């Protein structure tokens, strides 16, 4: 699945695929989704969530650089 907005092509990941990519459990991804700063797209009246891969990776990089803000 590809998304092409503003010239950027980014895969849209399910919670399960995002968890696999990050090496964490799907429950941990759901916990990350509690942060409104984490980019996501909702489908099917909010029942399905997809995470843009590039933005997810950027979010994780930002959060790891500023880990002390999340303690």
PDB file of N, CA and C in Angstrom:
ATOM      1  N   UNK A   1       0.856  -1.166   0.000  1.00  0.00           N
ATOM      2  CA  UNK A   1       0.000   0.000   0.000  1.00  0.00           C
ATOM      3  C   UNK A   1       0.904   1.232   0.000  1.00  0.00           C
ATOM      4  N   UNK A   2       0.671   2.135  -0.901  1.00  0.00           N
ATOM      5  CA  UNK A   2       1.515   3.321  -1.013  1.00  0.00           C
ATOM      6  C   UNK A   2       0.668   4.570  -0.911  1.00  0.00           C
ATOM      7  N   UNK A   3       1.271   5.597  -0.381  1.00  0.00           N
ATOM      8  CA  UNK A   3       0.611   6.879  -0.206  1.00  0.00           C
ATOM      9  C   UNK A   3       1.510   7.922  -0.853  1.00  0.00           C
ATOM     10  N   UNK A   4       0.966   8.740  -1.715  1.00  0.00           N
ATOM     11  CA  UNK A   4       1.770   9.739  -2.405  1.00  0.00           C
ATOM     12  C   UNK A   4       1.170  11.117  -2.183  1.00  0.00           C
ATOM     13  N   UNK A   5       1.581  11.756  -1.108  1.00  0.00           N
ATOM     14  CA  UNK A   5       1.115  13.096  -0.776  1.00  0.00           C
ATOM     15  C   UNK A   5       2.334  14.001  -0.733  1.00  0.00           C
ATOM     16  N   UNK A   6       2.230  15.169  -1.344  1.00  0.00           N
ATOM     17  CA  UNK A   6       3.337  16.126  -1.383  1.00  0.00           C
ATOM     18  C   UNK A   6       4.596  15.521  -1.986  1.00  0.00           C
ATOM     19  N   UNK A   7       4.445  14.580  -2.913  1.00  0.00           N
ATOM     20  CA  UNK A   7       5.598  14.005  -3.582  1.00  0.00           C
ATOM     21  C   UNK A   7       6.322  12.944  -2.778  1.00  0.00           C
ATOM     22  N   UNK A   8       5.946  12.712  -1.529  1.00  0.00           N
ATOM     23  CA  UNK A   8       6.573  11.681  -0.709  1.00  0.00           C
ATOM     24  C   UNK A   8       5.820  10.374  -0.877  1.00  0.00           C
ATOM     25  N   UNK A   9       6.559   9.312  -1.067  1.00  0.00           N
ATOM     26  CA  UNK A   9       5.950   8.003  -1.149  1.00  0.00           C
ATOM     27  C   UNK A   9       6.301   7.267   0.128  1.00  0.00           C
ATOM     28  N   UNK A  10       5.298   6.857   0.863  1.00  0.00           N
ATOM     29  CA  UNK A  10       5.507   6.192   2.136  1.00  0.00           C
ATOM     30  C   UNK A  10       4.523   5.041   2.249  1.00  0.00           C
ATOM     31  N   UNK A  11       5.011   3.922   2.732  1.00  0.00           N
ATOM     32  CA  UNK A  11       4.121   2.785   2.962  1.00  0.00           C
ATOM     33  C   UNK A  11       3.231   3.091   4.148  1.00  0.00           C
ATOM     34  N   UNK A  12       2.010   2.627   4.078  1.00  0.00           N
ATOM     35  CA  UNK A  12       1.093   2.720   5.206  1.00  0.00           C
ATOM     36  C   UNK A  12       1.103   1.367   5.907  1.00  0.00           C
ATOM     37  N   UNK A  13       1.491   1.367   7.171  1.00  0.00           N
ATOM     38  CA  UNK A  13       1.670   0.134   7.921  1.00  0.00           C
ATOM     39  C   UNK A  13       0.502  -0.134   8.858  1.00  0.00           C
ATOM     40  N   UNK A  14       0.128  -1.389   8.964  1.00  0.00           N
ATOM     41  CA  UNK A  14      -0.824  -1.787   9.995  1.00  0.00           C
ATOM     42  C   UNK A  14      -0.089  -1.750  11.334  1.00  0.00           C
ATOM     43  N   UNK A  15      -0.838  -1.852  12.408  1.00  0.00           N
ATOM     44  CA  UNK A  15      -0.217  -1.887  13.734  1.00  0.00           C
ATOM     45  C   UNK A  15       0.734  -3.078  13.830  1.00  0.00           C
ATOM     46  N   UNK A  16       0.325  -4.202  13.296  1.00  0.00           N
ATOM     47  CA  UNK A  16       1.150  -5.411  13.336  1.00  0.00           C
ATOM     48  C   UNK A  16       2.452  -5.238  12.551  1.00  0.00           C
ATOM     49  N   UNK A  17       2.354  -4.665  11.342  1.00  0.00           N
ATOM     50  CA  UNK A  17       3.555  -4.449  10.517  1.00  0.00           C
ATOM     51  C   UNK A  17       4.479  -3.412  11.157  1.00  0.00           C
ATOM     52  N   UNK A  18       3.895  -2.373  11.753  1.00  0.00           N
ATOM     53  CA  UNK A  18       4.702  -1.360  12.442  1.00  0.00           C
ATOM     54  C   UNK A  18       5.440  -1.994  13.616  1.00  0.00           C
ATOM     55  N   UNK A  19       4.755  -2.871  14.342  1.00  0.00           N
ATOM     56  CA  UNK A  19       5.382  -3.560  15.471  1.00  0.00           C
ATOM     57  C   UNK A  19       6.549  -4.420  14.996  1.00  0.00           C
ATOM     58  N   UNK A  20       6.349  -5.167  13.911  1.00  0.00           N
ATOM     59  CA  UNK A  20       7.426  -5.990  13.353  1.00  0.00           C
ATOM     60  C   UNK A  20       8.615  -5.132  12.955  1.00  0.00           C
ATOM     61  N   UNK A  21       8.341  -4.017  12.286  1.00  0.00           N
ATOM     62  CA  UNK A  21       9.416  -3.146  11.821  1.00  0.00           C
ATOM     63  C   UNK A  21      10.215  -2.580  12.994  1.00  0.00           C
ATOM     64  N   UNK A  22       9.522  -2.214  14.083  1.00  0.00           N
ATOM     65  CA  UNK A  22      10.188  -1.608  15.235  1.00  0.00           C
ATOM     66  C   UNK A  22      10.730  -2.641  16.221  1.00  0.00           C
ATOM     67  N   UNK A  23      10.337  -3.898  16.045  1.00  0.00           N
ATOM     68  CA  UNK A  23      10.798  -4.940  16.957  1.00  0.00           C
ATOM     69  C   UNK A  23      10.125  -4.874  18.321  1.00  0.00           C
ATOM     70  N   UNK A  24       8.873  -4.439  18.330  1.00  0.00           N
ATOM     71  CA  UNK A  24       8.100  -4.360  19.567  1.00  0.00           C
ATOM     72  C   UNK A  24       6.768  -5.071  19.356  1.00  0.00           C
ATOM     73  N   UNK A  25       5.996  -5.197  20.408  1.00  0.00           N
ATOM     74  CA  UNK A  25       4.706  -5.879  20.294  1.00  0.00           C
ATOM     75  C   UNK A  25       3.637  -4.928  19.753  1.00  0.00           C
ATOM     76  N   UNK A  26       2.586  -5.479  19.160  1.00  0.00           N
ATOM     77  CA  UNK A  26       1.471  -4.630  18.725  1.00  0.00           C
ATOM     78  C   UNK A  26       0.874  -3.822  19.881  1.00  0.00           C
ATOM     79  N   UNK A  27       0.873  -4.385  21.085  1.00  0.00           N
ATOM     80  CA  UNK A  27       0.370  -3.637  22.243  1.00  0.00           C
ATOM     81  C   UNK A  27       1.223  -2.403  22.520  1.00  0.00           C
ATOM     82  N   UNK A  28       2.545  -2.519  22.300  1.00  0.00           N
ATOM     83  CA  UNK A  28       3.414  -1.353  22.478  1.00  0.00           C
ATOM     84  C   UNK A  28       3.132  -0.282  21.429  1.00  0.00           C
ATOM     85  N   UNK A  29       2.813  -0.700  20.210  1.00  0.00           N
ATOM     86  CA  UNK A  29       2.451   0.274  19.173  1.00  0.00           C
ATOM     87  C   UNK A  29       1.150   0.966  19.564  1.00  0.00           C
ATOM     88  N   UNK A  30       0.196   0.207  20.078  1.00  0.00           N
ATOM     89  CA  UNK A  30      -1.067   0.810  20.529  1.00  0.00           C
ATOM     90  C   UNK A  30      -0.820   1.814  21.648  1.00  0.00           C
ATOM     91  N   UNK A  31       0.151   1.519  22.503  1.00  0.00           N
ATOM     92  CA  UNK A  31       0.512   2.459  23.565  1.00  0.00           C
ATOM     93  C   UNK A  31       1.107   3.734  22.962  1.00  0.00           C
ATOM     94  N   UNK A  32       1.942   3.581  21.931  1.00  0.00           N
ATOM     95  CA  UNK A  32       2.500   4.755  21.248  1.00  0.00           C
ATOM     96  C   UNK A  32       1.392   5.598  20.628  1.00  0.00           C
ATOM     97  N   UNK A  33       0.333   4.942  20.163  1.00  0.00           N
ATOM     98  CA  UNK A  33      -0.773   5.657  19.527  1.00  0.00           C
ATOM     99  C   UNK A  33      -1.546   6.548  20.501  1.00  0.00           C
ATOM    100  N   UNK A  34      -1.300   6.396  21.785  1.00  0.00           N
ATOM    101  CA  UNK A  34      -1.914   7.296  22.766  1.00  0.00           C
ATOM    102  C   UNK A  34      -1.344   8.708  22.653  1.00  0.00           C
ATOM    103  N   UNK A  35      -0.150   8.816  22.051  1.00  0.00           N
ATOM    104  CA  UNK A  35       0.485  10.119  21.838  1.00  0.00           C
ATOM    105  C   UNK A  35      -0.117  10.757  20.587  1.00  0.00           C
ATOM    106  N   UNK A  36      -0.797  11.891  20.731  1.00  0.00           N
ATOM    107  CA  UNK A  36      -1.407  12.532  19.556  1.00  0.00           C
ATOM    108  C   UNK A  36      -0.385  13.036  18.537  1.00  0.00           C
ATOM    109  N   UNK A  37       0.892  13.104  18.914  1.00  0.00           N
ATOM    110  CA  UNK A  37       1.926  13.549  17.971  1.00  0.00           C
ATOM    111  C   UNK A  37       2.334  12.463  16.986  1.00  0.00           C
ATOM    112  N   UNK A  38       1.967  11.220  17.263  1.00  0.00           N
ATOM    113  CA  UNK A  38       2.312  10.132  16.352  1.00  0.00           C
ATOM    114  C   UNK A  38       1.386  10.182  15.146  1.00  0.00           C
ATOM    115  N   UNK A  39       1.938  10.394  13.945  1.00  0.00           N
ATOM    116  CA  UNK A  39       1.100  10.469  12.745  1.00  0.00           C
ATOM    117  C   UNK A  39       0.411   9.134  12.474  1.00  0.00           C
ATOM    118  N   UNK A  40      -0.852   9.230  12.079  1.00  0.00           N
ATOM    119  CA  UNK A  40      -1.611   8.039  11.729  1.00  0.00           C
ATOM    120  C   UNK A  40      -2.759   8.434  10.827  1.00  0.00           C
ATOM    121  N   UNK A  41      -3.273   7.458  10.127  1.00  0.00           N
ATOM    122  CA  UNK A  41      -4.452   7.658   9.292  1.00  0.00           C
ATOM    123  C   UNK A  41      -5.498   6.667   9.768  1.00  0.00           C
ATOM    124  N   UNK A  42      -6.730   7.132   9.870  1.00  0.00           N
ATOM    125  CA  UNK A  42      -7.818   6.258  10.298  1.00  0.00           C
ATOM    126  C   UNK A  42      -8.742   5.990   9.120  1.00  0.00           C
ATOM    127  N   UNK A  43      -9.188   4.746   9.030  1.00  0.00           N
ATOM    128  CA  UNK A  43     -10.094   4.312   7.980  1.00  0.00           C
ATOM    129  C   UNK A  43     -11.270   3.591   8.615  1.00  0.00           C
ATOM    130  N   UNK A  44     -12.313   3.406   7.839  1.00  0.00           N
ATOM    131  CA  UNK A  44     -13.475   2.627   8.273  1.00  0.00           C
ATOM    132  C   UNK A  44     -14.039   3.176   9.584  1.00  0.00           C
ATOM    133  N   UNK A  45     -14.313   4.482   9.573  1.00  0.00           N
ATOM    134  CA  UNK A  45     -14.880   5.176  10.736  1.00  0.00           C
ATOM    135  C   UNK A  45     -13.997   5.053  11.974  1.00  0.00           C
ATOM    136  N   UNK A  46     -12.682   5.069  11.772  1.00  0.00           N
ATOM    137  CA  UNK A  46     -11.746   5.033  12.888  1.00  0.00           C
ATOM    138  C   UNK A  46     -11.431   3.649  13.423  1.00  0.00           C
ATOM    139  N   UNK A  47     -11.990   2.614  12.797  1.00  0.00           N
ATOM    140  CA  UNK A  47     -11.764   1.249  13.282  1.00  0.00           C
ATOM    141  C   UNK A  47     -10.407   0.700  12.854  1.00  0.00           C
ATOM    142  N   UNK A  48      -9.897   1.204  11.743  1.00  0.00           N
ATOM    143  CA  UNK A  48      -8.610   0.729  11.227  1.00  0.00           C
ATOM    144  C   UNK A  48      -7.623   1.885  11.222  1.00  0.00           C
ATOM    145  N   UNK A  49      -6.429   1.594  11.694  1.00  0.00           N
ATOM    146  CA  UNK A  49      -5.383   2.615  11.778  1.00  0.00           C
ATOM    147  C   UNK A  49      -4.219   2.183  10.902  1.00  0.00           C
ATOM    148  N   UNK A  50      -3.652   3.136  10.175  1.00  0.00           N
ATOM    149  CA  UNK A  50      -2.445   2.897   9.393  1.00  0.00           C
ATOM    150  C   UNK A  50      -1.434   3.972   9.764  1.00  0.00           C
ATOM    151  N   UNK A  51      -0.177   3.557   9.832  1.00  0.00           N
ATOM    152  CA  UNK A  51       0.897   4.471  10.197  1.00  0.00           C
ATOM    153  C   UNK A  51       1.815   4.667   8.995  1.00  0.00           C
ATOM    154  N   UNK A  52       2.015   5.912   8.546  1.00  0.00           N
ATOM    155  CA  UNK A  52       2.949   6.157   7.449  1.00  0.00           C
ATOM    156  C   UNK A  52       4.371   5.795   7.898  1.00  0.00           C
ATOM    157  N   UNK A  53       5.016   4.898   7.171  1.00  0.00           N
ATOM    158  CA  UNK A  53       6.314   4.360   7.575  1.00  0.00           C
ATOM    159  C   UNK A  53       7.352   5.453   7.815  1.00  0.00           C
ATOM    160  N   UNK A  54       7.522   6.360   6.865  1.00  0.00           N
ATOM    161  CA  UNK A  54       8.549   7.394   7.010  1.00  0.00           C
ATOM    162  C   UNK A  54       8.294   8.278   8.226  1.00  0.00           C
ATOM    163  N   UNK A  55       7.041   8.637   8.447  1.00  0.00           N
ATOM    164  CA  UNK A  55       6.706   9.497   9.584  1.00  0.00           C
ATOM    165  C   UNK A  55       6.841   8.749  10.905  1.00  0.00           C
ATOM    166  N   UNK A  56       6.546   7.456  10.898  1.00  0.00           N
ATOM    167  CA  UNK A  56       6.731   6.648  12.100  1.00  0.00           C
ATOM    168  C   UNK A  56       8.210   6.590  12.470  1.00  0.00           C
ATOM    169  N   UNK A  57       9.059   6.361  11.486  1.00  0.00           N
ATOM    170  CA  UNK A  57      10.498   6.314  11.754  1.00  0.00           C
ATOM    171  C   UNK A  57      11.011   7.655  12.257  1.00  0.00           C
ATOM    172  N   UNK A  58      10.517   8.740  11.692  1.00  0.00           N
ATOM    173  CA  UNK A  58      10.916  10.077  12.142  1.00  0.00           C
ATOM    174  C   UNK A  58      10.451  10.316  13.580  1.00  0.00           C
ATOM    175  N   UNK A  59       9.257   9.881  13.903  1.00  0.00           N
ATOM    176  CA  UNK A  59       8.718  10.004  15.262  1.00  0.00           C
ATOM    177  C   UNK A  59       9.607   9.254  16.255  1.00  0.00           C
ATOM    178  N   UNK A  60       9.994   8.026  15.897  1.00  0.00           N
ATOM    179  CA  UNK A  60      10.834   7.220  16.783  1.00  0.00           C
ATOM    180  C   UNK A  60      12.201   7.873  16.956  1.00  0.00           C
ATOM    181  N   UNK A  61      12.779   8.400  15.878  1.00  0.00           N
ATOM    182  CA  UNK A  61      14.075   9.089  15.980  1.00  0.00           C
ATOM    183  C   UNK A  61      13.978  10.293  16.906  1.00  0.00           C
ATOM    184  N   UNK A  62      12.930  11.083  16.728  1.00  0.00           N
ATOM    185  CA  UNK A  62      12.739  12.275  17.561  1.00  0.00           C
ATOM    186  C   UNK A  62      12.576  11.875  19.022  1.00  0.00           C
ATOM    187  N   UNK A  63      11.775  10.865  19.242  1.00  0.00           N
ATOM    188  CA  UNK A  63      11.520  10.433  20.616  1.00  0.00           C
ATOM    189  C   UNK A  63      12.783   9.857  21.255  1.00  0.00           C
ATOM    190  N   UNK A  64      13.601   9.154  20.491  1.00  0.00           N
ATOM    191  CA  UNK A  64      14.823   8.582  21.060  1.00  0.00           C
ATOM    192  C   UNK A  64      15.865   9.666  21.336  1.00  0.00           C
ATOM    193  N   UNK A  65      15.859  10.737  20.535  1.00  0.00           N
ATOM    194  CA  UNK A  65      16.780  11.855  20.799  1.00  0.00           C
ATOM    195  C   UNK A  65      16.386  12.595  22.065  1.00  0.00           C
ATOM    196  N   UNK A  66      15.093  12.659  22.336  1.00  0.00           N
ATOM    197  CA  UNK A  66      14.578  13.395  23.490  1.00  0.00           C
ATOM    198  C   UNK A  66      13.959  12.446  24.511  1.00  0.00           C
ATOM    199  N   UNK A  67      14.581  11.300  24.721  1.00  0.00           N
ATOM    200  CA  UNK A  67      14.012  10.274  25.589  1.00  0.00           C
ATOM    201  C   UNK A  67      13.713  10.784  26.992  1.00  0.00           C
ATOM    202  N   UNK A  68      14.507  11.722  27.470  1.00  0.00           N
ATOM    203  CA  UNK A  68      14.328  12.226  28.836  1.00  0.00           C
ATOM    204  C   UNK A  68      13.019  12.992  29.000  1.00  0.00           C
ATOM    205  N   UNK A  69      12.439  13.480  27.920  1.00  0.00           N
ATOM    206  CA  UNK A  69      11.147  14.170  27.995  1.00  0.00           C
ATOM    207  C   UNK A  69      10.000  13.202  28.264  1.00  0.00           C
ATOM    208  N   UNK A  70      10.231  11.917  28.024  1.00  0.00           N
ATOM    209  CA  UNK A  70       9.159  10.930  28.132  1.00  0.00           C
ATOM    210  C   UNK A  70       9.249  10.089  29.400  1.00  0.00           C
ATOM    211  N   UNK A  71      10.190  10.423  30.276  1.00  0.00           N
ATOM    212  CA  UNK A  71      10.340   9.669  31.538  1.00  0.00           C
ATOM    213  C   UNK A  71       9.395  10.189  32.596  1.00  0.00           C
TER     214      UNK A  71
END
